[in-house]
Amino acid sequence: MAKSGGKNPYLSLWLSGANKVFGAARGHAMNEMRRQQGIALRKAQKTVLDFWGGALNPGVAKTRKTRK
């Protein structure tokens, strides 16, 4: 009886397929994470700029309308 050395071609095929599926899922998850990080960063930047922009530049004083 010859030993196969523990090699199982079916298991190898199954693991290769599973690796492809999990690799693709990981790629999609990473892309979504990066997208959400970008959205959060832009939102934070806008909040900070709106706060400091309003504090440093209060705007133009409104003039009173004259009656005719």
PDB file of N, CA and C in Angstrom:
ATOM      1  N   MET A   1       0.831  -1.165   0.000  1.00  0.00           N
ATOM      2  CA  MET A   1       0.000   0.000   0.000  1.00  0.00           C
ATOM      3  C   MET A   1       0.888   1.245   0.000  1.00  0.00           C
ATOM      4  N   ALA A   2       0.698   2.092  -0.982  1.00  0.00           N
ATOM      5  CA  ALA A   2       1.526   3.295  -1.123  1.00  0.00           C
ATOM      6  C   ALA A   2       0.893   4.457  -0.371  1.00  0.00           C
ATOM      7  N   LYS A   3       1.743   5.199   0.309  1.00  0.00           N
ATOM      8  CA  LYS A   3       1.244   6.376   1.022  1.00  0.00           C
ATOM      9  C   LYS A   3       1.219   7.560   0.063  1.00  0.00           C
ATOM     10  N   SER A   4       0.193   8.376   0.209  1.00  0.00           N
ATOM     11  CA  SER A   4       0.080   9.526  -0.687  1.00  0.00           C
ATOM     12  C   SER A   4       0.782  10.753  -0.112  1.00  0.00           C
ATOM     13  N   GLY A   5       1.316  10.657   1.082  1.00  0.00           N
ATOM     14  CA  GLY A   5       2.016  11.795   1.669  1.00  0.00           C
ATOM     15  C   GLY A   5       1.075  12.832   2.246  1.00  0.00           C
ATOM     16  N   GLY A   6      -0.195  12.459   2.429  1.00  0.00           N
ATOM     17  CA  GLY A   6      -1.142  13.389   3.014  1.00  0.00           C
ATOM     18  C   GLY A   6      -1.720  14.368   2.013  1.00  0.00           C
ATOM     19  N   LYS A   7      -1.459  14.191   0.745  1.00  0.00           N
ATOM     20  CA  LYS A   7      -1.975  15.098  -0.280  1.00  0.00           C
ATOM     21  C   LYS A   7      -3.372  14.658  -0.693  1.00  0.00           C
ATOM     22  N   ASN A   8      -4.277  15.581  -0.663  1.00  0.00           N
ATOM     23  CA  ASN A   8      -5.645  15.312  -1.051  1.00  0.00           C
ATOM     24  C   ASN A   8      -6.020  16.330  -2.126  1.00  0.00           C
ATOM     25  N   PRO A   9      -6.130  15.915  -3.380  1.00  0.00           N
ATOM     26  CA  PRO A   9      -6.398  16.888  -4.447  1.00  0.00           C
ATOM     27  C   PRO A   9      -7.755  17.575  -4.299  1.00  0.00           C
ATOM     28  N   TYR A  10      -8.746  16.874  -3.768  1.00  0.00           N
ATOM     29  CA  TYR A  10     -10.065  17.493  -3.597  1.00  0.00           C
ATOM     30  C   TYR A  10     -10.025  18.589  -2.531  1.00  0.00           C
ATOM     31  N   LEU A  11      -9.309  18.313  -1.462  1.00  0.00           N
ATOM     32  CA  LEU A  11      -9.171  19.316  -0.413  1.00  0.00           C
ATOM     33  C   LEU A  11      -8.395  20.522  -0.944  1.00  0.00           C
ATOM     34  N   SER A  12      -7.380  20.265  -1.733  1.00  0.00           N
ATOM     35  CA  SER A  12      -6.599  21.345  -2.311  1.00  0.00           C
ATOM     36  C   SER A  12      -7.458  22.215  -3.227  1.00  0.00           C
ATOM     37  N   LEU A  13      -8.286  21.594  -4.053  1.00  0.00           N
ATOM     38  CA  LEU A  13      -9.181  22.352  -4.931  1.00  0.00           C
ATOM     39  C   LEU A  13     -10.181  23.159  -4.114  1.00  0.00           C
ATOM     40  N   TRP A  14     -10.732  22.548  -3.071  1.00  0.00           N
ATOM     41  CA  TRP A  14     -11.722  23.230  -2.244  1.00  0.00           C
ATOM     42  C   TRP A  14     -11.102  24.434  -1.542  1.00  0.00           C
ATOM     43  N   LEU A  15      -9.890  24.253  -1.006  1.00  0.00           N
ATOM     44  CA  LEU A  15      -9.218  25.355  -0.324  1.00  0.00           C
ATOM     45  C   LEU A  15      -8.842  26.480  -1.290  1.00  0.00           C
ATOM     46  N   SER A  16      -8.455  26.130  -2.501  1.00  0.00           N
ATOM     47  CA  SER A  16      -8.138  27.155  -3.502  1.00  0.00           C
ATOM     48  C   SER A  16      -9.380  27.980  -3.833  1.00  0.00           C
ATOM     49  N   GLY A  17     -10.494  27.295  -4.020  1.00  0.00           N
ATOM     50  CA  GLY A  17     -11.746  27.996  -4.303  1.00  0.00           C
ATOM     51  C   GLY A  17     -12.181  28.880  -3.138  1.00  0.00           C
ATOM     52  N   ALA A  18     -12.061  28.351  -1.931  1.00  0.00           N
ATOM     53  CA  ALA A  18     -12.439  29.126  -0.750  1.00  0.00           C
ATOM     54  C   ALA A  18     -11.534  30.350  -0.600  1.00  0.00           C
ATOM     55  N   ASN A  19     -10.265  30.183  -0.905  1.00  0.00           N
ATOM     56  CA  ASN A  19      -9.322  31.294  -0.825  1.00  0.00           C
ATOM     57  C   ASN A  19      -9.695  32.393  -1.815  1.00  0.00           C
ATOM     58  N   LYS A  20     -10.121  32.025  -3.008  1.00  0.00           N
ATOM     59  CA  LYS A  20     -10.546  33.023  -4.002  1.00  0.00           C
ATOM     60  C   LYS A  20     -11.776  33.783  -3.520  1.00  0.00           C
ATOM     61  N   VAL A  21     -12.742  33.057  -2.978  1.00  0.00           N
ATOM     62  CA  VAL A  21     -13.982  33.687  -2.508  1.00  0.00           C
ATOM     63  C   VAL A  21     -13.688  34.641  -1.355  1.00  0.00           C
ATOM     64  N   PHE A  22     -12.920  34.174  -0.369  1.00  0.00           N
ATOM     65  CA  PHE A  22     -12.622  35.023   0.781  1.00  0.00           C
ATOM     66  C   PHE A  22     -11.734  36.204   0.394  1.00  0.00           C
ATOM     67  N   GLY A  23     -10.844  36.000  -0.559  1.00  0.00           N
ATOM     68  CA  GLY A  23     -10.011  37.102  -1.037  1.00  0.00           C
ATOM     69  C   GLY A  23     -10.846  38.185  -1.709  1.00  0.00           C
ATOM     70  N   ALA A  24     -11.813  37.776  -2.522  1.00  0.00           N
ATOM     71  CA  ALA A  24     -12.690  38.744  -3.180  1.00  0.00           C
ATOM     72  C   ALA A  24     -13.545  39.475  -2.154  1.00  0.00           C
ATOM     73  N   ALA A  25     -14.081  38.751  -1.179  1.00  0.00           N
ATOM     74  CA  ALA A  25     -14.904  39.381  -0.141  1.00  0.00           C
ATOM     75  C   ALA A  25     -14.078  40.372   0.671  1.00  0.00           C
ATOM     76  N   ARG A  26     -12.843  40.013   0.963  1.00  0.00           N
ATOM     77  CA  ARG A  26     -11.960  40.915   1.706  1.00  0.00           C
ATOM     78  C   ARG A  26     -11.692  42.176   0.901  1.00  0.00           C
ATOM     79  N   GLY A  27     -11.479  42.034  -0.399  1.00  0.00           N
ATOM     80  CA  GLY A  27     -11.245  43.194  -1.259  1.00  0.00           C
ATOM     81  C   GLY A  27     -12.442  44.133  -1.272  1.00  0.00           C
ATOM     82  N   HIS A  28     -13.653  43.583  -1.375  1.00  0.00           N
ATOM     83  CA  HIS A  28     -14.857  44.408  -1.367  1.00  0.00           C
ATOM     84  C   HIS A  28     -15.019  45.123  -0.019  1.00  0.00           C
ATOM     85  N   ALA A  29     -14.738  44.419   1.065  1.00  0.00           N
ATOM     86  CA  ALA A  29     -14.859  45.018   2.396  1.00  0.00           C
ATOM     87  C   ALA A  29     -13.848  46.149   2.580  1.00  0.00           C
ATOM     88  N   MET A  30     -12.630  45.948   2.097  1.00  0.00           N
ATOM     89  CA  MET A  30     -11.605  46.982   2.222  1.00  0.00           C
ATOM     90  C   MET A  30     -11.976  48.221   1.403  1.00  0.00           C
ATOM     91  N   ASN A  31     -12.509  48.021   0.199  1.00  0.00           N
ATOM     92  CA  ASN A  31     -12.919  49.156  -0.622  1.00  0.00           C
ATOM     93  C   ASN A  31     -14.040  49.944   0.046  1.00  0.00           C
ATOM     94  N   GLU A  32     -14.998  49.255   0.630  1.00  0.00           N
ATOM     95  CA  GLU A  32     -16.100  49.927   1.320  1.00  0.00           C
ATOM     96  C   GLU A  32     -15.582  50.682   2.538  1.00  0.00           C
ATOM     97  N   MET A  33     -14.645  50.098   3.259  1.00  0.00           N
ATOM     98  CA  MET A  33     -14.066  50.754   4.425  1.00  0.00           C
ATOM     99  C   MET A  33     -13.351  52.038   4.010  1.00  0.00           C
ATOM    100  N   ARG A  34     -12.567  51.976   2.939  1.00  0.00           N
ATOM    101  CA  ARG A  34     -11.861  53.171   2.455  1.00  0.00           C
ATOM    102  C   ARG A  34     -12.842  54.249   2.007  1.00  0.00           C
ATOM    103  N   ARG A  35     -13.934  53.835   1.368  1.00  0.00           N
ATOM    104  CA  ARG A  35     -14.934  54.794   0.910  1.00  0.00           C
ATOM    105  C   ARG A  35     -15.571  55.511   2.106  1.00  0.00           C
ATOM    106  N   GLN A  36     -15.924  54.745   3.128  1.00  0.00           N
ATOM    107  CA  GLN A  36     -16.550  55.341   4.306  1.00  0.00           C
ATOM    108  C   GLN A  36     -15.573  56.222   5.084  1.00  0.00           C
ATOM    109  N   GLN A  37     -14.297  55.846   5.103  1.00  0.00           N
ATOM    110  CA  GLN A  37     -13.295  56.687   5.756  1.00  0.00           C
ATOM    111  C   GLN A  37     -13.167  58.020   5.035  1.00  0.00           C
ATOM    112  N   GLY A  38     -13.200  57.983   3.707  1.00  0.00           N
ATOM    113  CA  GLY A  38     -13.116  59.218   2.936  1.00  0.00           C
ATOM    114  C   GLY A  38     -14.301  60.127   3.195  1.00  0.00           C
ATOM    115  N   ILE A  39     -15.497  59.542   3.268  1.00  0.00           N
ATOM    116  CA  ILE A  39     -16.694  60.327   3.555  1.00  0.00           C
ATOM    117  C   ILE A  39     -16.584  60.975   4.935  1.00  0.00           C
ATOM    118  N   ALA A  40     -16.157  60.209   5.932  1.00  0.00           N
ATOM    119  CA  ALA A  40     -16.032  60.735   7.295  1.00  0.00           C
ATOM    120  C   ALA A  40     -14.975  61.841   7.355  1.00  0.00           C
ATOM    121  N   LEU A  41     -13.874  61.665   6.647  1.00  0.00           N
ATOM    122  CA  LEU A  41     -12.811  62.671   6.646  1.00  0.00           C
ATOM    123  C   LEU A  41     -13.295  63.966   6.001  1.00  0.00           C
ATOM    124  N   ARG A  42     -13.993  63.871   4.870  1.00  0.00           N
ATOM    125  CA  ARG A  42     -14.508  65.072   4.211  1.00  0.00           C
ATOM    126  C   ARG A  42     -15.525  65.793   5.088  1.00  0.00           C
ATOM    127  N   LYS A  43     -16.363  65.026   5.772  1.00  0.00           N
ATOM    128  CA  LYS A  43     -17.366  65.618   6.662  1.00  0.00           C
ATOM    129  C   LYS A  43     -16.685  66.353   7.818  1.00  0.00           C
ATOM    130  N   ALA A  44     -15.653  65.738   8.403  1.00  0.00           N
ATOM    131  CA  ALA A  44     -14.922  66.366   9.504  1.00  0.00           C
ATOM    132  C   ALA A  44     -14.210  67.631   9.032  1.00  0.00           C
ATOM    133  N   GLN A  45     -13.598  67.587   7.863  1.00  0.00           N
ATOM    134  CA  GLN A  45     -12.920  68.765   7.325  1.00  0.00           C
ATOM    135  C   GLN A  45     -13.900  69.902   7.091  1.00  0.00           C
ATOM    136  N   LYS A  46     -15.060  69.593   6.541  1.00  0.00           N
ATOM    137  CA  LYS A  46     -16.064  70.622   6.288  1.00  0.00           C
ATOM    138  C   LYS A  46     -16.546  71.228   7.597  1.00  0.00           C
ATOM    139  N   THR A  47     -16.760  70.401   8.615  1.00  0.00           N
ATOM    140  CA  THR A  47     -17.208  70.903   9.916  1.00  0.00           C
ATOM    141  C   THR A  47     -16.177  71.854  10.512  1.00  0.00           C
ATOM    142  N   VAL A  48     -14.907  71.468  10.470  1.00  0.00           N
ATOM    143  CA  VAL A  48     -13.849  72.306  11.034  1.00  0.00           C
ATOM    144  C   VAL A  48     -13.725  73.606  10.243  1.00  0.00           C
ATOM    145  N   LEU A  49     -13.747  73.519   8.924  1.00  0.00           N
ATOM    146  CA  LEU A  49     -13.610  74.729   8.114  1.00  0.00           C
ATOM    147  C   LEU A  49     -14.816  75.657   8.280  1.00  0.00           C
ATOM    148  N   ASP A  50     -15.998  75.097   8.395  1.00  0.00           N
ATOM    149  CA  ASP A  50     -17.176  75.927   8.618  1.00  0.00           C
ATOM    150  C   ASP A  50     -17.088  76.639   9.969  1.00  0.00           C
ATOM    151  N   PHE A  51     -16.624  75.928  10.998  1.00  0.00           N
ATOM    152  CA  PHE A  51     -16.507  76.525  12.322  1.00  0.00           C
ATOM    153  C   PHE A  51     -15.482  77.656  12.321  1.00  0.00           C
ATOM    154  N   TRP A  52     -14.259  77.346  11.875  1.00  0.00           N
ATOM    155  CA  TRP A  52     -13.205  78.351  11.915  1.00  0.00           C
ATOM    156  C   TRP A  52     -13.416  79.443  10.882  1.00  0.00           C
ATOM    157  N   GLY A  53     -14.002  79.114   9.770  1.00  0.00           N
ATOM    158  CA  GLY A  53     -14.272  80.139   8.757  1.00  0.00           C
ATOM    159  C   GLY A  53     -15.281  81.146   9.265  1.00  0.00           C
ATOM    160  N   GLY A  54     -16.306  80.691   9.974  1.00  0.00           N
ATOM    161  CA  GLY A  54     -17.296  81.601  10.539  1.00  0.00           C
ATOM    162  C   GLY A  54     -16.735  82.411  11.689  1.00  0.00           C
ATOM    163  N   ALA A  55     -15.836  81.838  12.451  1.00  0.00           N
ATOM    164  CA  ALA A  55     -15.260  82.532  13.602  1.00  0.00           C
ATOM    165  C   ALA A  55     -14.271  83.608  13.156  1.00  0.00           C
ATOM    166  N   LEU A  56     -13.529  83.337  12.104  1.00  0.00           N
ATOM    167  CA  LEU A  56     -12.512  84.287  11.643  1.00  0.00           C
ATOM    168  C   LEU A  56     -13.083  85.345  10.712  1.00  0.00           C
ATOM    169  N   ASN A  57     -14.175  85.046  10.053  1.00  0.00           N
ATOM    170  CA  ASN A  57     -14.776  85.977   9.105  1.00  0.00           C
ATOM    171  C   ASN A  57     -16.279  86.063   9.411  1.00  0.00           C
ATOM    172  N   PRO A  58     -16.656  86.982  10.309  1.00  0.00           N
ATOM    173  CA  PRO A  58     -18.060  87.019  10.705  1.00  0.00           C
ATOM    174  C   PRO A  58     -19.007  87.448   9.589  1.00  0.00           C
ATOM    175  N   GLY A  59     -18.498  88.031   8.544  1.00  0.00           N
ATOM    176  CA  GLY A  59     -19.365  88.415   7.429  1.00  0.00           C
ATOM    177  C   GLY A  59     -19.547  89.918   7.357  1.00  0.00           C
ATOM    178  N   VAL A  60     -20.319  90.347   6.402  1.00  0.00           N
ATOM    179  CA  VAL A  60     -20.550  91.759   6.157  1.00  0.00           C
ATOM    180  C   VAL A  60     -21.759  92.204   6.973  1.00  0.00           C
ATOM    181  N   ALA A  61     -21.641  93.366   7.601  1.00  0.00           N
ATOM    182  CA  ALA A  61     -22.763  93.895   8.385  1.00  0.00           C
ATOM    183  C   ALA A  61     -23.871  94.309   7.432  1.00  0.00           C
ATOM    184  N   LYS A  62     -25.093  94.031   7.805  1.00  0.00           N
ATOM    185  CA  LYS A  62     -26.242  94.362   6.981  1.00  0.00           C
ATOM    186  C   LYS A  62     -26.549  95.857   7.110  1.00  0.00           C
ATOM    187  N   THR A  63     -26.897  96.480   6.029  1.00  0.00           N
ATOM    188  CA  THR A  63     -27.276  97.893   6.057  1.00  0.00           C
ATOM    189  C   THR A  63     -28.785  97.991   6.238  1.00  0.00           C
ATOM    190  N   ARG A  64     -29.200  99.081   6.840  1.00  0.00           N
ATOM    191  CA  ARG A  64     -30.629  99.301   7.048  1.00  0.00           C
ATOM    192  C   ARG A  64     -31.255  99.852   5.786  1.00  0.00           C
ATOM    193  N   LYS A  65     -32.434  99.405   5.510  1.00  0.00           N
ATOM    194  CA  LYS A  65     -33.167  99.918   4.350  1.00  0.00           C
ATOM    195  C   LYS A  65     -33.771 101.278   4.719  1.00  0.00           C
ATOM    196  N   THR A  66     -33.770 102.161   3.777  1.00  0.00           N
ATOM    197  CA  THR A  66     -34.377 103.479   3.993  1.00  0.00           C
ATOM    198  C   THR A  66     -35.769 103.481   3.406  1.00  0.00           C
ATOM    199  N   ARG A  67     -36.645 104.190   4.065  1.00  0.00           N
ATOM    200  CA  ARG A  67     -38.019 104.289   3.566  1.00  0.00           C
ATOM    201  C   ARG A  67     -38.114 105.403   2.547  1.00  0.00           C
ATOM    202  N   LYS A  68     -38.948 105.188   1.587  1.00  0.00           N
ATOM    203  CA  LYS A  68     -39.172 106.227   0.589  1.00  0.00           C
ATOM    204  C   LYS A  68     -40.454 106.954   0.843  1.00  0.00           C
TER     205      LYS A  68
END
